[in-house]
Every structure is written in structure tokens, then in C-alpha cells.
PDB file of N, CA and C in Angstrom:
ATOM      1  N   MET A   1     105.936 129.346  91.567  1.00  0.00           N
ATOM      2  CA  MET A   1     105.452 127.929  91.197  1.00  0.00           C
ATOM      3  C   MET A   1     104.500 127.563  92.236  1.00  0.00           C
ATOM      4  N   GLU A   2     103.251 127.057  91.762  1.00  0.00           N
ATOM      5  CA  GLU A   2     102.357 126.549  92.642  1.00  0.00           C
ATOM      6  C   GLU A   2     102.515 125.025  92.913  1.00  0.00           C
ATOM      7  N   ILE A   3     102.599 124.712  94.181  1.00  0.00           N
ATOM      8  CA  ILE A   3     102.758 123.339  94.640  1.00  0.00           C
ATOM      9  C   ILE A   3     101.453 122.968  95.321  1.00  0.00           C
ATOM     10  N   VAL A   4     100.941 121.752  94.890  1.00  0.00           N
ATOM     11  CA  VAL A   4      99.736 121.203  95.516  1.00  0.00           C
ATOM     12  C   VAL A   4     100.089 120.087  96.506  1.00  0.00           C
ATOM     13  N   TRP A   5      99.747 120.298  97.777  1.00  0.00           N
ATOM     14  CA  TRP A   5     100.018 119.336  98.767  1.00  0.00           C
ATOM     15  C   TRP A   5      98.807 118.611  99.094  1.00  0.00           C
ATOM     16  N   LYS A   6      98.872 117.232  99.222  1.00  0.00           N
ATOM     17  CA  LYS A   6      97.738 116.437  99.573  1.00  0.00           C
ATOM     18  C   LYS A   6      98.233 115.401 100.669  1.00  0.00           C
ATOM     19  N   ARG A   7      97.274 114.888 101.499  1.00  0.00           N
ATOM     20  CA  ARG A   7      97.656 113.746 102.285  1.00  0.00           C
ATOM     21  C   ARG A   7      97.828 112.445 101.367  1.00  0.00           C
ATOM     22  N   THR A   8      98.792 111.684 101.863  1.00  0.00           N
ATOM     23  CA  THR A   8      99.067 110.439 101.097  1.00  0.00           C
ATOM     24  C   THR A   8      97.847 109.486 101.340  1.00  0.00           C
ATOM     25  N   TRP A   9      97.413 109.418 102.607  1.00  0.00           N
ATOM     26  CA  TRP A   9      96.300 108.641 102.962  1.00  0.00           C
ATOM     27  C   TRP A   9      95.358 109.435 103.822  1.00  0.00           C
ATOM     28  N   PRO A  10      94.115 109.313 103.693  1.00  0.00           N
ATOM     29  CA  PRO A  10      93.175 110.204 104.398  1.00  0.00           C
ATOM     30  C   PRO A  10      93.336 110.212 105.955  1.00  0.00           C
ATOM     31  N   ASP A  11      93.742 109.053 106.498  1.00  0.00           N
ATOM     32  CA  ASP A  11      93.778 108.981 107.984  1.00  0.00           C
ATOM     33  C   ASP A  11      95.178 109.195 108.540  1.00  0.00           C
ATOM     34  N   ARG A  12      96.101 109.747 107.707  1.00  0.00           N
ATOM     35  CA  ARG A  12      97.449 110.055 108.243  1.00  0.00           C
ATOM     36  C   ARG A  12      97.801 111.477 108.027  1.00  0.00           C
ATOM     37  N   ASP A  13      97.877 112.295 109.179  1.00  0.00           N
ATOM     38  CA  ASP A  13      98.146 113.621 109.086  1.00  0.00           C
ATOM     39  C   ASP A  13      99.597 113.949 108.724  1.00  0.00           C
ATOM     40  N   ASN A  14     100.519 113.064 109.157  1.00  0.00           N
ATOM     41  CA  ASN A  14     101.928 113.265 108.963  1.00  0.00           C
ATOM     42  C   ASN A  14     102.465 112.568 107.823  1.00  0.00           C
ATOM     43  N   ASP A  15     101.846 112.492 106.670  1.00  0.00           N
ATOM     44  CA  ASP A  15     102.303 111.807 105.419  1.00  0.00           C
ATOM     45  C   ASP A  15     101.672 112.562 104.325  1.00  0.00           C
ATOM     46  N   GLY A  16     102.390 113.198 103.508  1.00  0.00           N
ATOM     47  CA  GLY A  16     101.760 113.986 102.368  1.00  0.00           C
ATOM     48  C   GLY A  16     102.559 113.904 101.055  1.00  0.00           C
ATOM     49  N   THR A  17     101.966 114.220 100.030  1.00  0.00           N
ATOM     50  CA  THR A  17     102.618 114.219  98.653  1.00  0.00           C
ATOM     51  C   THR A  17     102.374 115.637  98.038  1.00  0.00           C
ATOM     52  N   ALA A  18     103.369 115.972  97.183  1.00  0.00           N
ATOM     53  CA  ALA A  18     103.287 117.242  96.479  1.00  0.00           C
ATOM     54  C   ALA A  18     103.556 117.027  95.022  1.00  0.00           C
ATOM     55  N   THR A  19     102.855 117.858  94.252  1.00  0.00           N
ATOM     56  CA  THR A  19     103.037 117.980  92.751  1.00  0.00           C
ATOM     57  C   THR A  19     102.897 119.395  92.306  1.00  0.00           C
ATOM     58  N   THR A  20     103.447 119.677  91.206  1.00  0.00           N
ATOM     59  CA  THR A  20     103.253 121.015  90.531  1.00  0.00           C
ATOM     60  C   THR A  20     103.174 120.711  89.068  1.00  0.00           C
ATOM     61  N   ASP A  21     102.342 121.632  88.383  1.00  0.00           N
ATOM     62  CA  ASP A  21     102.190 121.598  86.964  1.00  0.00           C
ATOM     63  C   ASP A  21     103.398 121.885  86.219  1.00  0.00           C
ATOM     64  N   ALA A  22     104.407 122.542  86.926  1.00  0.00           N
ATOM     65  CA  ALA A  22     105.630 122.931  86.266  1.00  0.00           C
ATOM     66  C   ALA A  22     106.615 121.844  85.997  1.00  0.00           C
ATOM     67  N   LEU A  23     106.314 120.674  86.708  1.00  0.00           N
ATOM     68  CA  LEU A  23     107.142 119.454  86.653  1.00  0.00           C
ATOM     69  C   LEU A  23     106.383 118.209  86.471  1.00  0.00           C
ATOM     70  N   PRO A  24     105.658 118.080  85.125  1.00  0.00           N
ATOM     71  CA  PRO A  24     104.872 116.892  84.910  1.00  0.00           C
ATOM     72  C   PRO A  24     105.644 115.658  85.186  1.00  0.00           C
ATOM     73  N   GLY A  25     105.146 114.664  85.896  1.00  0.00           N
ATOM     74  CA  GLY A  25     105.725 113.401  85.995  1.00  0.00           C
ATOM     75  C   GLY A  25     106.712 113.390  87.376  1.00  0.00           C
ATOM     76  N   ILE A  26     106.777 114.489  87.961  1.00  0.00           N
ATOM     77  CA  ILE A  26     107.618 114.494  89.199  1.00  0.00           C
ATOM     78  C   ILE A  26     106.696 114.721  90.428  1.00  0.00           C
ATOM     79  N   SER A  27     106.994 113.988  91.429  1.00  0.00           N
ATOM     80  CA  SER A  27     106.196 114.146  92.663  1.00  0.00           C
ATOM     81  C   SER A  27     107.100 114.108  93.868  1.00  0.00           C
ATOM     82  N   ALA A  28     106.629 114.351  95.042  1.00  0.00           N
ATOM     83  CA  ALA A  28     107.341 114.343  96.326  1.00  0.00           C
ATOM     84  C   ALA A  28     106.493 113.822  97.350  1.00  0.00           C
ATOM     85  N   ARG A  29     107.194 113.333  98.450  1.00  0.00           N
ATOM     86  CA  ARG A  29     106.474 112.851  99.515  1.00  0.00           C
ATOM     87  C   ARG A  29     107.215 113.203 100.811  1.00  0.00           C
ATOM     88  N   THR A  30     106.544 113.602 101.848  1.00  0.00           N
ATOM     89  CA  THR A  30     107.132 113.936 103.102  1.00  0.00           C
ATOM     90  C   THR A  30     106.373 113.069 104.150  1.00  0.00           C
ATOM     91  N   TYR A  31     107.065 112.568 105.095  1.00  0.00           N
ATOM     92  CA  TYR A  31     106.450 111.682 106.200  1.00  0.00           C
ATOM     93  C   TYR A  31     107.245 111.723 107.476  1.00  0.00           C
ATOM     94  N   LEU A  32     106.545 111.507 108.518  1.00  0.00           N
ATOM     95  CA  LEU A  32     107.112 111.437 109.856  1.00  0.00           C
ATOM     96  C   LEU A  32     107.466 109.955 110.164  1.00  0.00           C
ATOM     97  N   GLU A  33     108.744 109.763 110.560  1.00  0.00           N
ATOM     98  CA  GLU A  33     109.122 108.318 110.888  1.00  0.00           C
ATOM     99  C   GLU A  33     108.404 107.799 111.994  1.00  0.00           C
ATOM    100  N   ASN A  34     108.185 106.470 112.104  1.00  0.00           N
ATOM    101  CA  ASN A  34     107.571 105.831 113.219  1.00  0.00           C
ATOM    102  C   ASN A  34     108.319 106.242 114.494  1.00  0.00           C
ATOM    103  N   GLY A  35     107.529 106.683 115.520  1.00  0.00           N
ATOM    104  CA  GLY A  35     108.135 107.168 116.710  1.00  0.00           C
ATOM    105  C   GLY A  35     108.221 108.662 116.703  1.00  0.00           C
ATOM    106  N   GLY A  36     108.099 109.440 115.496  1.00  0.00           N
ATOM    107  CA  GLY A  36     108.039 110.799 115.463  1.00  0.00           C
ATOM    108  C   GLY A  36     109.253 111.637 115.772  1.00  0.00           C
ATOM    109  N   ARG A  37     110.365 111.249 115.322  1.00  0.00           N
ATOM    110  CA  ARG A  37     111.629 112.043 115.629  1.00  0.00           C
ATOM    111  C   ARG A  37     112.090 112.827 114.399  1.00  0.00           C
ATOM    112  N   HIS A  38     111.959 112.204 113.236  1.00  0.00           N
ATOM    113  CA  HIS A  38     112.491 112.890 112.044  1.00  0.00           C
ATOM    114  C   HIS A  38     111.493 112.854 110.878  1.00  0.00           C
ATOM    115  N   TRP A  39     111.559 113.852 109.996  1.00  0.00           N
ATOM    116  CA  TRP A  39     110.733 114.015 108.869  1.00  0.00           C
ATOM    117  C   TRP A  39     111.571 113.611 107.718  1.00  0.00           C
ATOM    118  N   TYR A  40     111.184 112.675 106.909  1.00  0.00           N
ATOM    119  CA  TYR A  40     111.754 112.303 105.695  1.00  0.00           C
ATOM    120  C   TYR A  40     111.112 112.821 104.423  1.00  0.00           C
ATOM    121  N   TRP A  41     111.819 113.102 103.463  1.00  0.00           N
ATOM    122  CA  TRP A  41     111.271 113.616 102.162  1.00  0.00           C
ATOM    123  C   TRP A  41     112.050 112.975 100.944  1.00  0.00           C
ATOM    124  N   PHE A  42     111.282 112.992  99.806  1.00  0.00           N
ATOM    125  CA  PHE A  42     111.950 112.521  98.670  1.00  0.00           C
ATOM    126  C   PHE A  42     111.201 112.961  97.438  1.00  0.00           C
ATOM    127  N   VAL A  43     111.960 113.205  96.388  1.00  0.00           N
ATOM    128  CA  VAL A  43     111.439 113.679  95.151  1.00  0.00           C
ATOM    129  C   VAL A  43     111.761 112.693  94.197  1.00  0.00           C
ATOM    130  N   ASN A  44     110.813 112.276  93.268  1.00  0.00           N
ATOM    131  CA  ASN A  44     111.009 111.286  92.248  1.00  0.00           C
ATOM    132  C   ASN A  44     110.144 111.443  91.084  1.00  0.00           C
ATOM    133  N   GLY A  45     110.695 110.894  89.882  1.00  0.00           N
ATOM    134  CA  GLY A  45     109.860 110.831  88.705  1.00  0.00           C
ATOM    135  C   GLY A  45     109.834 109.318  88.421  1.00  0.00           C
ATOM    136  N   LYS A  46     110.422 108.802  87.283  1.00  0.00           N
ATOM    137  CA  LYS A  46     110.591 107.414  87.015  1.00  0.00           C
ATOM    138  C   LYS A  46     111.566 106.742  87.978  1.00  0.00           C
ATOM    139  N   ALA A  47     112.449 107.620  88.487  1.00  0.00           N
ATOM    140  CA  ALA A  47     113.566 107.097  89.372  1.00  0.00           C
ATOM    141  C   ALA A  47     113.638 108.180  90.451  1.00  0.00           C
ATOM    142  N   ALA A  48     114.391 107.747  91.510  1.00  0.00           N
ATOM    143  CA  ALA A  48     114.592 108.753  92.614  1.00  0.00           C
ATOM    144  C   ALA A  48     115.415 109.948  92.183  1.00  0.00           C
ATOM    145  N   ILE A  49     115.060 111.080  92.535  1.00  0.00           N
ATOM    146  CA  ILE A  49     115.869 112.304  92.104  1.00  0.00           C
ATOM    147  C   ILE A  49     116.657 112.842  93.403  1.00  0.00           C
ATOM    148  N   SER A  50     115.975 113.007  94.444  1.00  0.00           N
ATOM    149  CA  SER A  50     116.636 113.487  95.677  1.00  0.00           C
ATOM    150  C   SER A  50     115.856 113.033  96.984  1.00  0.00           C
ATOM    151  N   ARG A  51     116.515 113.105  98.038  1.00  0.00           N
ATOM    152  CA  ARG A  51     115.826 112.791  99.364  1.00  0.00           C
ATOM    153  C   ARG A  51     116.616 113.384 100.458  1.00  0.00           C
ATOM    154  N   GLY A  52     115.954 113.449 101.655  1.00  0.00           N
ATOM    155  CA  GLY A  52     116.652 113.906 102.794  1.00  0.00           C
ATOM    156  C   GLY A  52     115.862 113.712 103.994  1.00  0.00           C
ATOM    157  N   GLN A  53     116.389 114.302 105.103  1.00  0.00           N
ATOM    158  CA  GLN A  53     115.798 114.125 106.446  1.00  0.00           C
ATOM    159  C   GLN A  53     115.910 115.547 107.129  1.00  0.00           C
ATOM    160  N   GLU A  54     114.772 115.874 107.824  1.00  0.00           N
ATOM    161  CA  GLU A  54     114.634 117.148 108.476  1.00  0.00           C
ATOM    162  C   GLU A  54     114.063 116.955 109.938  1.00  0.00           C
ATOM    163  N   ASP A  55     114.249 118.022 110.677  1.00  0.00           N
ATOM    164  CA  ASP A  55     113.746 117.968 112.013  1.00  0.00           C
ATOM    165  C   ASP A  55     112.313 118.302 112.177  1.00  0.00           C
ATOM    166  N   THR A  56     111.751 119.003 111.230  1.00  0.00           N
ATOM    167  CA  THR A  56     110.307 119.483 111.300  1.00  0.00           C
ATOM    168  C   THR A  56     109.558 119.253 109.985  1.00  0.00           C
ATOM    169  N   LYS A  57     108.362 119.283 110.134  1.00  0.00           N
ATOM    170  CA  LYS A  57     107.427 119.164 108.922  1.00  0.00           C
ATOM    171  C   LYS A  57     107.721 120.284 107.937  1.00  0.00           C
ATOM    172  N   GLU A  58     107.832 121.543 108.509  1.00  0.00           N
ATOM    173  CA  GLU A  58     107.981 122.658 107.755  1.00  0.00           C
ATOM    174  C   GLU A  58     109.317 122.612 107.012  1.00  0.00           C
ATOM    175  N   ALA A  59     110.338 122.251 107.657  1.00  0.00           N
ATOM    176  CA  ALA A  59     111.654 122.068 106.903  1.00  0.00           C
ATOM    177  C   ALA A  59     111.621 121.056 105.804  1.00  0.00           C
ATOM    178  N   ALA A  60     110.918 119.930 106.081  1.00  0.00           N
ATOM    179  CA  ALA A  60     110.845 118.984 105.025  1.00  0.00           C
ATOM    180  C   ALA A  60     110.103 119.478 103.747  1.00  0.00           C
ATOM    181  N   LYS A  61     108.919 120.142 104.040  1.00  0.00           N
ATOM    182  CA  LYS A  61     108.200 120.834 102.942  1.00  0.00           C
ATOM    183  C   LYS A  61     109.111 121.809 102.241  1.00  0.00           C
ATOM    184  N   ALA A  62     109.882 122.687 103.015  1.00  0.00           N
ATOM    185  CA  ALA A  62     110.722 123.634 102.358  1.00  0.00           C
ATOM    186  C   ALA A  62     111.753 123.032 101.516  1.00  0.00           C
ATOM    187  N   ALA A  63     112.305 121.895 102.000  1.00  0.00           N
ATOM    188  CA  ALA A  63     113.248 121.114 101.107  1.00  0.00           C
ATOM    189  C   ALA A  63     112.750 120.635  99.841  1.00  0.00           C
ATOM    190  N   VAL A  64     111.443 120.191  99.969  1.00  0.00           N
ATOM    191  CA  VAL A  64     110.841 119.716  98.734  1.00  0.00           C
ATOM    192  C   VAL A  64     110.623 120.861  97.816  1.00  0.00           C
ATOM    193  N   GLU A  65     110.100 122.044  98.341  1.00  0.00           N
ATOM    194  CA  GLU A  65     109.845 123.117  97.517  1.00  0.00           C
ATOM    195  C   GLU A  65     111.203 123.750  96.774  1.00  0.00           C
ATOM    196  N   ALA A  66     112.273 123.692  97.550  1.00  0.00           N
ATOM    197  CA  ALA A  66     113.542 124.149  97.007  1.00  0.00           C
ATOM    198  C   ALA A  66     113.981 123.102  95.807  1.00  0.00           C
ATOM    199  N   GLU A  67     113.753 121.902  96.106  1.00  0.00           N
ATOM    200  CA  GLU A  67     114.130 120.964  95.083  1.00  0.00           C
ATOM    201  C   GLU A  67     113.281 121.016  93.841  1.00  0.00           C
ATOM    202  N   PHE A  68     111.955 121.312  94.007  1.00  0.00           N
ATOM    203  CA  PHE A  68     111.185 121.561  92.722  1.00  0.00           C
ATOM    204  C   PHE A  68     111.610 122.867  92.101  1.00  0.00           C
ATOM    205  N   GLU A  69     112.024 123.813  92.711  1.00  0.00           N
ATOM    206  CA  GLU A  69     112.507 125.021  92.046  1.00  0.00           C
ATOM    207  C   GLU A  69     113.839 124.781  91.332  1.00  0.00           C
ATOM    208  N   ARG A  70     114.795 124.017  91.943  1.00  0.00           N
ATOM    209  CA  ARG A  70     115.966 123.709  91.267  1.00  0.00           C
ATOM    210  C   ARG A  70     115.689 122.893  89.981  1.00  0.00           C
ATOM    211  N   LEU A  71     114.817 121.931  90.119  1.00  0.00           N
ATOM    212  CA  LEU A  71     114.494 121.110  88.922  1.00  0.00           C
ATOM    213  C   LEU A  71     113.871 122.057  87.833  1.00  0.00           C
ATOM    214  N   ALA A  72     112.972 122.848  88.215  1.00  0.00           N
ATOM    215  CA  ALA A  72     112.292 123.658  87.180  1.00  0.00           C
ATOM    216  C   ALA A  72     113.285 124.644  86.472  1.00  0.00           C
ATOM    217  N   ALA A  73     114.287 125.052  87.272  1.00  0.00           N
ATOM    218  CA  ALA A  73     115.287 125.986  86.693  1.00  0.00           C
ATOM    219  C   ALA A  73     116.258 125.208  85.658  1.00  0.00           C
ATOM    220  N   GLU A  74     116.355 123.937  85.901  1.00  0.00           N
ATOM    221  CA  GLU A  74     117.195 123.132  84.960  1.00  0.00           C
ATOM    222  C   GLU A  74     116.492 122.775  83.693  1.00  0.00           C
ATOM    223  N   ARG A  75     115.212 123.085  83.563  1.00  0.00           N
ATOM    224  CA  ARG A  75     114.546 122.627  82.355  1.00  0.00           C
ATOM    225  C   ARG A  75     114.568 123.671  81.346  1.00  0.00           C
TER     226      ARG A  75
END
């Protein structure tokens, strides 16, 4: 599954969104909390689907990718 990552805002390196053609209408966001201790992530469509907190950006992105895979497998 190809996942496209983009910055949520051009001037923020630590805030991104993800989409995939395999899951139309579903998107994700990862961002670093103010103060820089934890990375938050969530996946949603018309409503929240899942969310979590990780210690690193890589772990937050991996959690989103795993959630996209899980959702695609359910379709």
C-alpha cells in the first residue's frame, strides 16, 4: 500500500498528514505535542477511527501505517 505523507502546514516540520488511495475518505495526522515530548497520531474518516501516542515520529508513522493496513484488510 502506498501512503502519501505531507506536511499539515508548510512551516511546521513536526506535523503531517497521510492518505492512501486504498482507503478513500480516510486520512491520518501525526504531530509533536507542544514542548516536544510525545508524538500523537490519529486516523479518521467522517468520525474518529483510532488514535495513539508514541515516543518518536517514526513510531507514530508506523502506527498510522499499521492502522491503514488493518483497515484495508477489513474491506
